[in-house]
């Protein structure tokens, strides 16, 4: 008959595969960003906002826009986590 250790082995394998995903996904994102930067090494982009304008190399602009997007995503994520935490506290208090 089967031993009770078999489900544990599959659980350990799932945890190990999730550990690899933590490294593979950021590596793929880094490779994608590197490809974007290498494609835009020589181009110069001009950015207009009202009466201001900014002329930068395309790779610098790509990195700045990625950083801005990351900061906005982190801010939204923190806001949603805080809101959910407050809702759970209200439910626990019965309000």
Protein backbone atom coordinates (compact mmCIF):
# COMPACT_ATOMS: atom_id res chain seq x y z
CA UNK A 1 0.00 0.00 0.00
CA UNK A 2 0.97 3.62 -0.30
CA UNK A 3 2.80 5.35 2.49
CA UNK A 4 1.63 8.68 3.93
CA UNK A 5 4.94 10.26 2.80
CA UNK A 6 3.83 10.53 -0.83
CA UNK A 7 1.60 13.63 -0.36
CA UNK A 8 4.42 15.29 1.54
CA UNK A 9 6.79 14.70 -1.38
CA UNK A 10 4.39 16.38 -3.81
CA UNK A 11 3.93 19.28 -1.39
CA UNK A 12 7.69 19.70 -1.09
CA UNK A 13 7.99 19.57 -4.89
CA UNK A 14 5.34 22.30 -5.25
CA UNK A 15 7.15 24.48 -2.74
CA UNK A 16 10.44 23.96 -4.57
CA UNK A 17 8.87 24.85 -7.91
CA UNK A 18 7.36 28.00 -6.40
CA UNK A 19 10.84 28.88 -5.16
CA UNK A 20 12.21 28.65 -8.69
CA UNK A 21 9.40 30.83 -10.02
CA UNK A 22 10.50 33.57 -7.64
CA UNK A 23 13.81 33.70 -9.52
CA UNK A 24 12.66 32.93 -13.06
CA UNK A 25 9.97 35.62 -13.37
CA UNK A 26 12.23 38.53 -12.29
CA UNK A 27 14.99 37.18 -14.55
CA UNK A 28 12.62 37.17 -17.53
CA UNK A 29 11.48 40.70 -16.70
CA UNK A 30 15.13 41.82 -16.46
CA UNK A 31 15.91 40.26 -19.85
CA UNK A 32 12.87 41.99 -21.38
CA UNK A 33 13.97 45.34 -19.96
CA UNK A 34 17.51 44.76 -21.22
CA UNK A 35 16.17 44.07 -24.72
CA UNK A 36 14.12 47.28 -24.60
CA UNK A 37 17.15 49.28 -23.51
CA UNK A 38 19.44 47.78 -26.14
CA UNK A 39 16.93 48.50 -28.90
CA UNK A 40 16.72 52.15 -27.89
CA UNK A 41 20.38 53.02 -27.33
CA UNK A 42 20.75 55.61 -30.09
CA UNK A 43 17.28 57.14 -30.31
CA UNK A 44 16.44 60.42 -28.60
CA UNK A 45 12.89 61.04 -27.41
CA UNK A 46 11.32 64.40 -26.73
CA UNK A 47 8.72 64.60 -23.98
CA UNK A 48 6.30 67.56 -23.87
CA UNK A 49 4.19 68.48 -20.83
CA UNK A 50 2.36 71.81 -21.02
CA UNK A 51 5.13 74.32 -21.57
CA UNK A 52 7.96 72.08 -20.35
CA UNK A 53 9.83 69.75 -22.63
CA UNK A 54 12.48 67.17 -21.94
CA UNK A 55 14.82 65.54 -24.43
CA UNK A 56 16.44 62.32 -23.25
CA UNK A 57 17.97 59.21 -24.69
CA UNK A 58 15.32 56.57 -25.25
CA UNK A 59 16.90 54.02 -22.90
CA UNK A 60 16.92 56.55 -20.04
CA UNK A 61 13.28 57.38 -20.73
CA UNK A 62 12.37 53.66 -20.75
CA UNK A 63 14.05 53.10 -17.39
CA UNK A 64 12.43 56.22 -15.88
CA UNK A 65 8.98 55.18 -17.11
CA UNK A 66 9.45 51.64 -15.76
CA UNK A 67 10.52 53.05 -12.37
CA UNK A 68 7.53 55.41 -12.33
CA UNK A 69 5.18 52.55 -13.17
CA UNK A 70 6.71 50.42 -10.40
CA UNK A 71 6.26 53.21 -7.84
CA UNK A 72 2.64 53.77 -8.88
CA UNK A 73 1.95 50.03 -8.69
CA UNK A 74 3.49 49.78 -5.22
CA UNK A 75 1.49 52.77 -4.00
CA UNK A 76 -1.79 51.32 -5.30
CA UNK A 77 -0.97 47.93 -3.81
CA UNK A 78 -0.21 49.46 -0.39
CA UNK A 79 -3.44 51.49 -0.51
CA UNK A 80 -5.53 48.41 -1.35
CA UNK A 81 -3.85 46.33 1.37
CA UNK A 82 -4.49 49.04 3.97
CA UNK A 83 -8.12 49.34 2.86
CA UNK A 84 -8.65 45.58 3.09
CA UNK A 85 -7.02 45.49 6.53
CA UNK A 86 -9.35 48.24 7.76
CA UNK A 87 -12.39 46.40 6.39
CA UNK A 88 -11.32 43.21 8.21
CA UNK A 89 -10.88 45.17 11.45
CA UNK A 90 -14.37 46.68 11.08
CA UNK A 91 -15.88 43.23 10.49
CA UNK A 92 -14.03 41.80 13.51
CA UNK A 93 -15.29 44.65 15.71
CA UNK A 94 -18.84 44.21 14.44
CA UNK A 95 -19.21 47.76 13.16
